[in-house]
Protein backbone atom coordinates (compact mmCIF):
# COMPACT_ATOMS: atom_id res chain seq x y z
CA MET A 1 4.38 -5.35 48.19
CA ASP A 2 7.39 -7.19 46.79
CA GLU A 3 5.09 -9.40 44.70
CA THR A 4 3.21 -6.35 43.39
CA ALA A 5 6.46 -4.61 42.49
CA THR A 6 7.62 -7.72 40.65
CA LEU A 7 4.38 -7.89 38.63
CA ILE A 8 4.65 -4.19 37.75
CA ALA A 9 8.27 -4.68 36.69
CA GLN A 10 7.21 -7.52 34.42
CA ALA A 11 4.24 -5.69 32.92
CA MET A 12 5.67 -2.19 32.54
CA VAL A 13 8.66 -0.58 30.86
CA LEU A 14 10.38 1.14 33.74
CA ASP A 15 13.41 2.44 31.82
CA ARG A 16 13.41 5.70 29.89
CA PHE A 17 12.53 5.64 26.21
CA ALA A 18 15.24 6.10 23.64
CA PRO A 19 14.91 9.37 21.66
CA ASP A 20 14.70 7.58 18.31
CA GLN A 21 11.55 5.76 19.45
CA ALA A 22 9.66 8.99 18.86
CA LEU A 23 10.00 8.27 15.14
CA LEU A 24 7.48 5.44 15.57
CA VAL A 25 4.62 7.72 16.60
CA LEU A 26 5.57 10.97 14.86
CA PRO A 27 3.98 10.04 11.48
CA VAL A 28 0.57 9.56 13.13
CA VAL A 29 1.01 12.62 15.36
CA ILE A 30 1.95 14.82 12.40
CA CYS A 31 -1.08 13.72 10.39
CA PHE A 32 -3.64 14.36 13.12
CA MET A 33 -1.97 17.53 14.35
CA PHE A 34 -1.99 19.15 10.89
CA GLY A 35 -5.48 17.84 10.20
CA ALA A 36 -6.73 19.47 13.40
CA VAL A 37 -4.98 22.76 12.59
CA LEU A 38 -6.62 22.84 9.16
CA LEU A 39 -10.05 22.21 10.69
CA MET A 40 -9.54 25.17 13.03
CA MET A 41 -8.63 27.41 10.08
CA ARG A 42 -11.85 27.06 8.11
CA ARG A 43 -11.98 30.83 7.60
CA ARG A 44 -8.58 30.91 5.88
CA MET A 45 -8.93 28.53 2.96
CA ASP A 46 -6.12 30.34 1.17
CA LEU A 47 -3.65 29.01 3.76
CA HIS A 48 -4.77 25.37 3.59
CA PRO A 49 -2.53 24.34 0.65
CA VAL A 50 0.60 25.90 2.18
CA ILE A 51 0.02 24.36 5.62
CA ALA A 52 -0.84 20.98 4.07
CA VAL A 53 2.31 20.85 1.94
CA ILE A 54 4.44 21.78 4.96
CA GLY A 55 2.82 18.97 6.95
CA LEU A 56 3.19 16.41 4.17
CA THR A 57 6.85 17.39 3.66
CA LEU A 58 7.48 16.96 7.39
CA LEU A 59 5.69 13.60 7.24
CA LEU A 60 7.88 12.38 4.39
CA ALA A 61 11.04 13.55 6.17
CA THR A 62 9.99 11.64 9.32
CA ASP A 63 9.18 8.52 7.29
CA LEU A 64 12.59 8.61 5.59
CA ALA A 65 14.33 9.13 8.93
CA LEU A 66 12.54 6.06 10.31
CA LEU A 67 13.49 4.03 7.21
CA TRP A 68 17.14 5.01 7.66
CA ARG A 69 17.00 4.10 11.38
CA ILE A 70 15.44 0.68 10.69
CA ALA A 71 17.84 -0.08 7.83
CA GLU A 72 20.80 0.72 10.08
CA GLY A 73 19.66 -0.64 13.42
CA GLY A 74 16.95 -3.22 12.73
CA PRO A 75 13.32 -3.36 13.94
CA MET A 76 12.26 -1.22 16.87
CA SER A 77 9.22 -1.08 19.13
CA MET A 78 7.61 1.39 21.52
CA ALA A 79 5.18 0.41 24.29
CA MET A 80 2.28 2.85 24.59
CA GLY A 81 1.69 4.07 28.14
CA GLY A 82 4.68 2.10 29.34
CA TRP A 83 2.79 -1.21 29.33
CA ARG A 84 5.03 -3.94 27.96
CA PRO A 85 3.53 -6.23 25.29
CA PRO A 86 1.34 -8.23 25.42
CA PHE A 87 -0.23 -6.21 28.25
CA GLY A 88 -0.37 -2.98 26.26
CA ILE A 89 -0.40 -1.61 22.74
CA SER A 90 2.85 -1.26 20.85
CA PHE A 91 3.99 0.58 17.77
CA THR A 92 6.51 -1.58 15.94
CA ALA A 93 8.41 -1.05 12.71
CA ASP A 94 10.63 -3.29 10.64
CA LEU A 95 12.00 -2.75 7.14
CA LEU A 96 8.69 -3.76 5.50
CA SER A 97 6.60 -1.21 7.38
CA ALA A 98 9.23 1.54 7.11
CA LEU A 99 9.60 1.01 3.36
CA PHE A 100 5.84 1.09 2.73
CA LEU A 101 5.51 4.10 5.03
CA SER A 102 8.18 6.11 3.18
CA VAL A 103 6.80 5.51 -0.30
CA ALA A 104 3.28 6.29 0.98
CA GLY A 105 4.58 9.61 2.31
CA PHE A 106 6.12 10.33 -1.09
CA ALA A 107 2.82 9.62 -2.86
CA GLY A 108 0.87 11.67 -0.31
CA LEU A 109 3.12 14.70 -0.78
CA ALA A 110 2.79 14.42 -4.57
CA CYS A 111 -1.02 14.40 -4.26
CA GLY A 112 -0.95 17.33 -1.82
CA ILE A 113 1.05 19.49 -4.25
CA TYR A 114 -1.06 18.44 -7.24
CA ALA A 115 -4.23 19.33 -5.30
CA ILE A 116 -3.16 22.99 -5.19
CA ALA A 117 -3.85 23.10 -8.92
CA SER A 118 -6.85 20.78 -9.08
CA ILE A 119 -8.88 21.41 -5.89
CA ASP A 120 -10.64 24.78 -5.88
CA GLU A 121 -11.79 26.75 -2.84
CA GLU A 122 -15.11 24.91 -2.73
CA GLY A 123 -13.32 21.57 -2.51
CA ARG A 124 -11.09 22.91 0.25
CA ARG A 125 -14.14 24.16 2.12
CA TYR A 126 -15.62 20.67 1.93
CA GLY A 127 -12.53 19.51 3.84
CA PHE A 128 -10.20 18.05 1.25
CA TYR A 129 -6.97 18.60 3.16
CA PRO A 130 -8.21 17.47 6.62
CA PHE A 131 -9.58 14.31 4.99
CA LEU A 132 -6.24 13.85 3.21
CA PHE A 133 -4.40 13.95 6.53
CA MET A 134 -6.93 11.54 8.04
CA VAL A 135 -6.22 9.07 5.23
CA MET A 136 -2.47 9.50 5.66
CA GLY A 137 -2.85 9.05 9.43
CA GLY A 138 -4.78 5.82 8.91
CA VAL A 139 -2.20 4.54 6.45
CA SER A 140 0.67 5.43 8.80
CA GLY A 141 -1.02 3.81 11.78
CA ALA A 142 -1.77 0.61 9.84
CA PHE A 143 1.87 0.31 8.77
CA LEU A 144 3.25 0.97 12.26
CA THR A 145 0.91 -0.80 14.67
CA GLY A 146 2.07 -3.97 16.36
CA ASP A 147 -1.41 -4.82 17.63
CA ILE A 148 -3.85 -6.63 15.36
CA PHE A 149 -6.97 -5.01 16.83
CA ASN A 150 -5.44 -1.58 16.27
CA LEU A 151 -4.75 -2.63 12.69
CA TYR A 152 -8.54 -2.89 12.39
CA VAL A 153 -8.93 0.52 14.07
CA TRP A 154 -6.55 2.16 11.60
CA PHE A 155 -8.44 0.50 8.75
CA GLU A 156 -11.58 2.23 9.99
CA VAL A 157 -9.81 5.59 10.30
CA LEU A 158 -8.66 5.12 6.73
CA LEU A 159 -12.19 4.22 5.63
CA ILE A 160 -13.70 7.35 7.23
CA GLY A 161 -11.14 9.64 5.59
CA SER A 162 -11.43 7.96 2.20
CA PHE A 163 -15.23 8.16 2.33
CA GLY A 164 -14.98 11.91 2.94
CA LEU A 165 -12.71 12.32 -0.08
CA LEU A 166 -14.87 10.06 -2.22
CA ILE A 167 -18.02 12.18 -1.80
CA LEU A 168 -16.19 15.52 -2.05
CA GLY A 169 -18.58 17.68 -4.07
CA SER A 170 -21.64 15.44 -3.44
CA GLU A 171 -22.27 14.70 -7.10
CA ARG A 172 -24.65 11.89 -8.03
CA GLU A 173 -21.91 9.66 -9.50
CA GLN A 174 -19.73 10.19 -6.44
CA LEU A 175 -22.48 9.16 -4.05
CA ASP A 176 -23.17 6.04 -6.11
CA GLY A 177 -19.48 5.06 -6.09
CA ALA A 178 -19.18 5.84 -2.37
CA THR A 179 -22.12 3.57 -1.55
CA LYS A 180 -20.54 0.60 -3.33
CA TYR A 181 -17.11 1.37 -1.90
CA CYS A 182 -18.23 1.66 1.71
CA PHE A 183 -20.73 -1.22 1.69
CA LEU A 184 -18.24 -3.80 0.43
CA ASN A 185 -15.37 -2.46 2.54
CA LEU A 186 -17.57 -2.63 5.63
CA ILE A 187 -18.24 -6.30 4.86
CA GLY A 188 -14.49 -6.89 4.75
CA ALA A 189 -14.03 -4.96 7.99
CA THR A 190 -16.75 -7.05 9.67
CA VAL A 191 -15.05 -10.30 8.64
CA PHE A 192 -11.75 -8.87 9.92
CA LEU A 193 -13.26 -7.94 13.30
CA LEU A 194 -14.95 -11.33 13.76
CA THR A 195 -11.67 -13.09 12.97
CA ILE A 196 -9.85 -10.94 15.51
CA GLY A 197 -12.38 -12.05 18.13
CA TYR A 198 -11.78 -15.67 17.16
CA LEU A 199 -8.02 -15.06 17.39
CA PHE A 200 -8.22 -13.45 20.80
CA GLY A 201 -10.36 -16.30 22.12
CA LEU A 202 -7.65 -18.75 21.03
CA PHE A 203 -4.50 -16.90 22.15
CA GLY A 204 -5.70 -14.40 24.75
CA THR A 205 -3.55 -11.67 23.21
CA LEU A 206 -3.75 -9.15 20.35
CA ASN A 207 -0.06 -8.31 20.05
CA MET A 208 1.18 -9.61 16.69
CA ALA A 209 4.63 -10.59 17.94
CA ASP A 210 3.12 -12.50 20.85
CA ILE A 211 0.68 -14.24 18.50
CA ALA A 212 3.53 -15.17 16.14
CA ALA A 213 5.50 -16.73 18.99
CA LYS A 214 2.52 -18.69 20.34
CA SER A 215 1.14 -19.82 16.97
CA ALA A 216 4.54 -21.28 16.05
CA LEU A 217 4.12 -23.68 18.98
CA MET A 218 0.68 -24.79 17.70
CA GLU A 219 1.71 -25.86 14.20
CA GLY A 220 -0.75 -28.35 12.75
CA ASN A 221 -3.76 -26.99 14.63
CA GLY A 222 -6.71 -26.85 12.23
CA ILE A 223 -8.17 -23.82 13.98
CA LEU A 224 -5.19 -21.76 12.78
CA LEU A 225 -5.95 -22.70 9.18
CA THR A 226 -9.52 -21.42 9.61
CA ILE A 227 -8.29 -18.14 11.11
CA ALA A 228 -5.68 -17.69 8.37
CA SER A 229 -8.32 -18.36 5.70
CA LEU A 230 -10.64 -15.72 7.16
CA PHE A 231 -7.80 -13.21 7.22
CA VAL A 232 -7.04 -13.97 3.56
CA VAL A 233 -10.71 -13.31 2.66
CA SER A 234 -10.80 -10.04 4.61
CA PHE A 235 -7.53 -8.66 3.25
CA ALA A 236 -8.27 -9.87 -0.28
CA MET A 237 -11.41 -7.75 -0.22
CA LYS A 238 -9.43 -4.76 1.07
CA ALA A 239 -6.78 -5.28 -1.62
CA ALA A 240 -9.36 -5.80 -4.40
CA ALA A 241 -8.29 -9.34 -5.31
CA PHE A 242 -10.46 -11.61 -7.47
CA PRO A 243 -13.33 -12.41 -6.95
CA LEU A 244 -13.78 -9.69 -4.31
CA ASN A 245 -12.62 -6.77 -6.45
CA PHE A 246 -15.75 -5.58 -8.23
CA TRP A 247 -16.08 -2.61 -5.84
CA LEU A 248 -12.90 -0.97 -7.15
CA PRO A 249 -13.79 -0.41 -10.84
CA ALA A 250 -17.25 0.71 -9.69
CA SER A 251 -15.93 3.51 -7.46
CA TYR A 252 -12.38 4.69 -8.28
CA HIS A 253 -13.43 6.64 -11.38
CA THR A 254 -16.02 8.76 -9.53
CA PRO A 255 -14.02 11.21 -7.33
CA ARG A 256 -11.55 13.91 -8.35
CA PHE A 257 -8.46 12.67 -10.17
CA VAL A 258 -6.18 13.49 -7.25
CA VAL A 259 -8.42 11.45 -4.93
CA SER A 260 -8.36 8.51 -7.35
CA ALA A 261 -4.56 8.79 -7.44
CA LEU A 262 -4.34 8.65 -3.65
CA PHE A 263 -6.70 5.68 -3.48
CA ALA A 264 -4.98 3.74 -6.28
CA GLY A 265 -1.57 4.30 -4.78
CA LEU A 266 -2.27 3.62 -1.10
CA LEU A 267 -5.56 2.01 -0.12
CA THR A 268 -5.22 -1.38 -1.79
CA LYS A 269 -1.56 -1.56 -0.68
CA VAL A 270 -2.65 -1.35 2.95
CA GLY A 271 -4.60 -4.57 2.36
CA ILE A 272 -1.51 -6.12 0.75
CA TYR A 273 0.65 -5.04 3.70
CA ALA A 274 -1.81 -6.53 6.19
CA LEU A 275 -1.89 -9.80 4.22
CA ILE A 276 1.91 -10.04 4.27
CA ARG A 277 2.21 -9.05 7.92
CA VAL A 278 -0.58 -11.18 9.38
CA VAL A 279 -0.65 -14.28 7.18
CA LEU A 280 3.05 -14.70 6.41
CA MET A 281 4.46 -13.70 9.80
CA LEU A 282 1.78 -15.04 12.12
CA PHE A 283 0.71 -18.20 10.28
CA PRO A 284 3.51 -19.37 7.93
CA PRO A 285 2.56 -23.09 7.90
CA GLU A 286 -1.09 -22.24 7.25
CA ARG A 287 -0.05 -19.81 4.51
CA GLY A 288 1.78 -22.75 2.93
CA GLY A 289 -1.48 -24.68 2.87
CA LEU A 290 -3.30 -21.71 1.34
CA GLY A 291 -0.54 -21.07 -1.20
CA VAL A 292 -2.34 -22.76 -4.10
CA VAL A 293 -5.54 -20.82 -3.37
CA ILE A 294 -3.63 -17.53 -3.25
CA ALA A 295 -1.77 -18.46 -6.46
CA TRP A 296 -5.01 -19.04 -8.37
CA MET A 297 -6.43 -15.86 -6.86
CA ALA A 298 -3.34 -14.00 -8.10
CA ALA A 299 -3.57 -15.42 -11.62
CA LEU A 300 -7.28 -14.68 -11.96
CA THR A 301 -6.82 -11.18 -10.53
CA MET A 302 -4.06 -10.43 -13.05
CA LEU A 303 -6.05 -11.71 -16.02
CA PHE A 304 -9.29 -10.06 -14.88
CA GLY A 305 -7.52 -6.73 -14.56
CA ALA A 306 -5.67 -6.98 -17.87
CA LEU A 307 -8.75 -8.04 -19.86
CA GLY A 308 -10.81 -5.36 -18.13
CA ALA A 309 -8.24 -2.72 -19.10
CA LEU A 310 -8.44 -3.85 -22.73
CA ALA A 311 -12.21 -3.46 -22.76
CA GLN A 312 -12.36 0.12 -21.48
CA SER A 313 -12.99 3.22 -23.57
CA ASP A 314 -12.38 5.66 -20.69
CA LEU A 315 -8.85 6.45 -19.50
CA ARG A 316 -9.63 6.46 -15.78
CA ARG A 317 -11.69 3.27 -15.95
CA MET A 318 -8.80 1.61 -17.77
CA LEU A 319 -6.47 2.65 -14.92
CA ASN A 320 -8.90 1.12 -12.40
CA TYR A 321 -8.26 -2.28 -13.99
CA ALA A 322 -4.52 -1.62 -14.14
CA VAL A 323 -4.63 -1.28 -10.33
CA ILE A 324 -6.29 -4.70 -10.11
CA THR A 325 -3.65 -6.25 -12.39
CA GLY A 326 -0.94 -4.89 -10.09
CA ILE A 327 -2.63 -6.41 -7.04
CA GLY A 328 -2.64 -9.81 -8.74
CA THR A 329 1.04 -9.45 -9.56
CA ILE A 330 1.87 -8.74 -5.92
CA LEU A 331 -0.23 -11.71 -4.78
CA ALA A 332 1.80 -13.97 -7.08
CA GLY A 333 4.86 -13.30 -4.92
CA ILE A 334 2.96 -13.96 -1.70
CA ALA A 335 1.69 -17.29 -3.07
CA ILE A 336 5.13 -18.83 -3.75
CA PRO A 337 5.59 -21.95 -1.57
CA PRO A 338 8.83 -22.59 0.34
CA VAL A 339 11.22 -25.16 -1.11
CA LEU A 340 12.02 -26.76 2.20
CA GLU A 341 9.44 -28.74 4.06
CA SER A 342 10.07 -27.08 7.41
CA ALA A 343 9.77 -23.44 6.37
CA SER A 344 8.40 -22.59 9.81
CA SER A 345 10.97 -24.57 11.82
CA ALA A 346 13.03 -21.43 12.38
CA ILE A 347 10.04 -19.57 13.76
CA THR A 348 9.01 -22.52 15.93
CA THR A 349 12.49 -22.94 17.40
CA GLY A 350 13.00 -19.23 17.92
CA ALA A 351 9.53 -18.66 19.34
CA ALA A 352 10.10 -21.37 21.91
CA SER A 353 13.39 -19.71 22.81
CA VAL A 354 11.70 -16.32 23.13
CA LEU A 355 8.98 -17.71 25.39
CA ARG A 356 11.41 -19.71 27.54
CA ASN A 357 13.75 -16.75 28.06
CA GLY A 358 11.05 -14.19 28.70
CA GLY A 359 11.42 -12.59 25.30
CA ALA A 360 15.19 -12.27 25.14
CA GLY A 361 15.79 -15.11 22.71
CA THR A 362 16.58 -14.96 19.02
CA LEU A 363 15.29 -17.12 16.22
CA ILE A 364 17.51 -19.90 14.94
CA GLN A 365 17.04 -20.13 11.19
CA ASN A 366 17.63 -23.89 10.87
CA GLY A 367 17.17 -25.30 7.41
CA VAL A 368 15.66 -22.22 5.79
CA SER A 369 17.36 -20.68 2.81
CA ALA A 370 17.11 -16.91 2.51
CA ASP A 371 17.62 -17.31 -1.24
CA GLY A 372 14.74 -19.74 -1.81
CA PRO A 373 11.76 -19.07 -4.09
CA LEU A 374 9.58 -17.88 -1.21
CA ALA A 375 12.07 -15.15 -0.23
CA THR A 376 12.61 -14.22 -3.88
CA GLY A 377 8.88 -14.10 -4.56
CA LEU A 378 8.11 -12.07 -1.45
CA GLY A 379 10.98 -9.70 -2.23
CA GLY A 380 9.63 -9.28 -5.74
CA ALA A 381 6.13 -8.66 -4.36
CA ILE A 382 7.42 -5.94 -2.00
CA PHE A 383 9.47 -4.39 -4.82
CA TYR A 384 6.43 -4.41 -7.11
CA ALA A 385 4.19 -2.92 -4.40
CA VAL A 386 6.57 0.02 -3.98
CA HIS A 387 6.67 0.47 -7.75
CA SER A 388 2.87 0.23 -7.98
CA ILE A 389 2.28 2.88 -5.31
CA VAL A 390 4.41 5.37 -7.23
CA VAL A 391 3.40 4.54 -10.81
CA MET A 392 -0.35 4.28 -10.17
CA THR A 393 -0.36 7.57 -8.26
CA ALA A 394 1.51 9.20 -11.15
CA LEU A 395 -0.77 7.69 -13.81
CA TYR A 396 -3.97 8.98 -12.24
CA LEU A 397 -2.43 12.43 -11.78
CA ALA A 398 -1.26 12.41 -15.41
CA ALA A 399 -4.70 11.21 -16.52
CA GLY A 400 -6.18 14.25 -14.77
CA VAL A 401 -3.89 16.58 -16.73
CA ALA A 402 -4.73 14.77 -20.00
CA ALA A 403 -8.46 14.95 -19.31
CA PHE A 404 -8.29 18.64 -18.47
CA ARG A 405 -6.35 19.39 -21.64
CA ASN A 406 -8.80 17.43 -23.82
CA GLY A 407 -11.97 18.28 -21.96
CA SER A 408 -12.78 14.58 -21.48
CA SER A 409 -11.29 11.30 -20.22
CA SER A 410 -13.09 9.29 -22.93
CA LEU A 411 -10.66 7.72 -25.40
CA HIS A 412 -13.21 8.43 -28.16
CA GLU A 413 -12.90 12.18 -27.56
CA MET A 414 -9.19 12.48 -26.71
CA GLY A 415 -6.30 12.98 -29.12
CA GLY A 416 -3.59 15.28 -30.39
CA LEU A 417 -1.68 15.61 -27.11
CA TRP A 418 1.63 14.46 -28.63
CA ARG A 419 1.64 17.43 -31.01
CA ARG A 420 0.37 20.02 -28.51
CA HIS A 421 2.22 18.84 -25.39
CA PRO A 422 5.17 16.62 -26.38
CA LEU A 423 6.99 16.73 -23.02
CA PHE A 424 3.89 15.77 -21.06
CA SER A 425 3.15 13.03 -23.61
CA ALA A 426 6.67 11.63 -23.19
CA LEU A 427 6.15 11.56 -19.42
CA MET A 428 2.86 9.71 -19.87
CA LEU A 429 4.53 7.21 -22.21
CA VAL A 430 7.16 6.44 -19.57
CA LEU A 431 4.46 5.78 -16.98
CA LEU A 432 2.45 3.55 -19.34
CA LEU A 433 5.53 1.49 -20.19
CA ALA A 434 6.37 1.22 -16.50
CA VAL A 435 2.92 -0.03 -15.48
CA ALA A 436 3.10 -2.61 -18.29
CA GLY A 437 6.37 -3.88 -16.83
CA LEU A 438 8.61 -3.04 -19.77
CA PRO A 439 12.31 -2.14 -19.46
CA PRO A 440 14.09 0.05 -18.61
CA PHE A 441 11.53 1.22 -16.04
CA SER A 442 10.70 0.22 -12.46
CA GLY A 443 8.02 -2.39 -13.22
CA PHE A 444 10.37 -4.68 -15.14
CA TRP A 445 12.69 -5.88 -12.38
CA PRO A 446 10.13 -7.06 -9.78
CA LYS A 447 8.31 -8.99 -12.51
CA MET A 448 11.60 -10.69 -13.34
CA LEU A 449 11.93 -11.72 -9.70
CA LEU A 450 8.37 -13.02 -9.62
CA VAL A 451 8.79 -15.06 -12.81
CA ARG A 452 12.05 -16.50 -11.52
CA ALA A 453 10.49 -17.42 -8.16
CA SER A 454 7.45 -19.01 -9.82
CA ILE A 455 9.57 -21.20 -12.08
CA SER A 456 11.88 -22.17 -9.20
CA ALA A 457 8.85 -23.16 -7.13
CA ASP A 458 7.57 -25.39 -9.97
CA LEU A 459 4.68 -23.05 -10.78
CA PRO A 460 5.28 -22.31 -14.47
CA TRP A 461 1.59 -21.54 -15.02
CA LEU A 462 1.85 -18.69 -12.48
CA ALA A 463 4.89 -17.31 -14.29
CA PHE A 464 2.92 -17.55 -17.54
CA ALA A 465 0.04 -15.62 -15.94
CA VAL A 466 2.45 -12.85 -14.89
CA LEU A 467 3.85 -12.61 -18.44
CA LEU A 468 0.46 -12.89 -20.15
CA SER A 469 -1.13 -10.19 -18.00
CA GLY A 470 1.86 -7.96 -18.70
CA PHE A 471 1.47 -8.56 -22.44
CA LEU A 472 -2.26 -7.76 -22.37
CA LEU A 473 -1.66 -4.66 -20.27
CA THR A 474 1.01 -3.55 -22.75
CA ILE A 475 -1.60 -3.73 -25.53
CA ALA A 476 -4.06 -1.74 -23.40
CA CYS A 477 -1.44 0.93 -22.65
CA ALA A 478 -0.41 1.12 -26.33
CA ARG A 479 -4.07 1.60 -27.24
CA VAL A 480 -4.40 4.44 -24.72
CA PHE A 481 -1.33 6.22 -26.06
CA ALA A 482 -2.35 5.74 -29.69
CA LEU A 483 -5.87 7.12 -29.15
CA ALA A 484 -5.33 9.82 -26.54
CA PHE A 485 -1.89 11.11 -27.57
CA TRP A 486 -0.74 10.01 -31.02
CA ARG A 487 -3.79 10.44 -33.27
CA PRO A 488 -5.12 13.93 -34.14
CA LEU A 489 -7.81 15.42 -31.93
CA PRO A 490 -11.25 14.29 -33.21
CA ALA A 491 -13.65 16.95 -34.39
CA HIS A 492 -16.12 18.12 -31.75
CA PRO A 493 -18.61 20.54 -33.32
CA ASP A 494 -20.50 21.11 -30.08
CA ALA A 495 -17.57 21.89 -27.81
CA ASP A 496 -14.52 24.09 -27.79
CA HIS A 497 -11.86 21.63 -26.63
CA HIS A 498 -9.05 24.13 -27.02
CA ALA A 499 -10.57 26.12 -24.19
CA ALA A 500 -10.56 23.00 -21.99
CA GLU A 501 -6.87 23.53 -21.27
CA ASP A 502 -7.93 26.22 -18.78
CA ALA A 503 -10.12 23.80 -16.83
CA PHE A 504 -7.79 23.55 -13.85
CA ARG A 505 -10.00 26.10 -12.06
CA ALA A 506 -6.83 27.64 -10.66
CA PRO A 507 -4.64 30.63 -11.61
CA PRO A 508 -1.83 30.08 -14.15
CA PRO A 509 0.76 29.41 -11.38
CA GLY A 510 -1.23 26.28 -10.57
CA ARG A 511 -0.17 24.54 -13.75
CA PRO A 512 3.49 24.02 -12.80
CA LEU A 513 2.30 22.76 -9.41
CA ALA A 514 0.40 20.01 -11.23
CA THR A 515 3.52 19.12 -13.24
CA ILE A 516 6.11 19.12 -10.43
CA PRO A 517 4.78 16.02 -8.62
CA LEU A 518 4.41 14.20 -11.95
CA VAL A 519 8.03 14.88 -12.82
CA ALA A 520 9.20 13.76 -9.36
CA LEU A 521 7.23 10.50 -9.56
CA CYS A 522 8.44 9.88 -13.11
CA VAL A 523 12.07 10.43 -12.07
CA PHE A 524 11.59 7.75 -9.39
CA VAL A 525 10.20 5.33 -11.99
CA ILE A 526 13.15 5.92 -14.33
CA ALA A 527 15.79 5.89 -11.57
CA ILE A 528 14.59 2.58 -10.13
CA GLY A 529 14.44 1.11 -13.62
CA VAL A 530 17.99 2.15 -14.45
CA TRP A 531 19.44 1.43 -10.98
CA PRO A 532 17.19 -1.12 -9.25
CA GLN A 533 19.76 -2.59 -6.88
CA PRO A 534 19.16 -0.39 -3.78
CA LEU A 535 15.40 -0.95 -3.77
CA ALA A 536 15.84 -4.63 -4.65
CA ASP A 537 18.21 -5.06 -1.69
CA LEU A 538 15.80 -3.30 0.68
CA SER A 539 12.91 -5.43 -0.60
CA MET A 540 14.83 -8.69 -0.14
CA GLN A 541 15.92 -7.66 3.36
CA ALA A 542 12.31 -6.76 4.21
CA ALA A 543 11.16 -10.16 2.92
CA HIS A 544 13.81 -11.90 5.00
CA GLN A 545 12.70 -10.06 8.16
CA VAL A 546 9.09 -11.12 7.56
CA LEU A 547 9.97 -14.78 6.92
CA HIS A 548 12.47 -14.93 9.81
CA PRO A 549 11.06 -12.45 12.37
CA SER A 550 13.71 -13.02 15.04
CA GLN A 551 14.58 -9.32 15.30
CA TYR A 552 10.91 -8.31 15.21
CA LEU A 553 10.00 -10.67 18.06
CA ALA A 554 13.05 -9.65 20.07
CA ALA A 555 12.29 -5.93 19.62
CA VAL A 556 8.73 -6.39 20.92
CA LEU A 557 8.99 -9.24 23.43
CA GLY A 558 12.64 -8.88 24.31
CA GLU A 559 14.57 -6.06 25.87
CA VAL A 560 12.48 -2.97 25.24
CA PRO A 561 14.60 0.16 25.87
């Protein structure tokens, strides 16, 4: 009996949970609870928007509370069912996951408010809001899970919800885009699942903190390089990185504008988050060996996206390629190699300490500079990812307003918006300048960090790729503004384009509801551009926690409250 009690004490958390640990599961609980309530209220479609906005507001408030708690107290973990890792599943959050979670909640709330004006009763009856909460639940779970198999599970939840939104309305073009989207994403998910099986066969555990501690003791093992490479392929497909990105421009222009905005802001960023979390934290030496491959992937992704944006004559298709350019820019920060030869020595030393002391040890950061190019590049990548979530969500929402007011999203048929709607046009100009990375808006500062890190790491060609893609994207954005906003509206003898302003399919009060989220997102873009220091500091701290995961490992494997 004494031996059994000892084993139970080792495998289970016998102490009471701290109240603030509820913040780790509340985002997922809120999403599925409100989604279930909306499904049960199918006879009251008029209440769906109100209930959804309340739920999304509560979700954002919970996300911000978790971000504040992590910023003040460091990473935290909660063992599901009381089973201590690696025996059970854990929800774990550090500054990286809390930051991504908060900005995702902001984007989700903006889309939920905008949908009041753009999604009619038929779209609500098809299940727009329940699918929206399913997507947000999948995103929240992916950012918060500490178990790599459950990361795959949340990917699948996300895929189911996004597929439902993609085919909303069951139009021919939507079904075609959904087929391409799901087929290629399922290939990526299959590669991910097979790699997880390979990983479990090697380590006998699925807990990411436990894997990080054990893999640090196996540095130089060729099997780890194979596993890391497979993870890079899987997450590159999820993130739409070159050459695995052809599914994105073939599908993101097919659903409603608000759905495209949600996808562009969140879905590819989940792939980026998984790449940072799994490859950089679990396999840092192997990531160093793959750095050149990731750097070339980043450069080609940036140039492919920028050139693709230049070639488009449709506003939404052009934005599809702008999303791809942003993914390449983020990958440039992940590809930066460490200056010092023993970039993983801190993890190796600390992991050994954690394993020797039963999880109570801390990492000793011997010989690793927090201010090196790798930390700067990763901080810039995190900063740019936050910026990209906000600005791409805003651009697709603004493109929806522009298309409704012109009756088309084709640049050949758009025009005259600057004269008819100057305030909206000014807002769109701010967003276009921001996505191009021009000052004084939010996209400028992370690109500065990425260029600086690339040059410091002796990768001037990568810095040149960042600048060149920004220059090409600036030309593409200038072309969009000149054709769709600045020039007079072209003559359309067969259509009354002045009547297209009423195409919101919602009562007049719906119009301000489409503008409010745009203004909020635009204010964020301007505020971060004018005062970037708070977000830059959070991004650099998040990068430091990923590169030196002493607190993360201690929160999961150490003394769990």
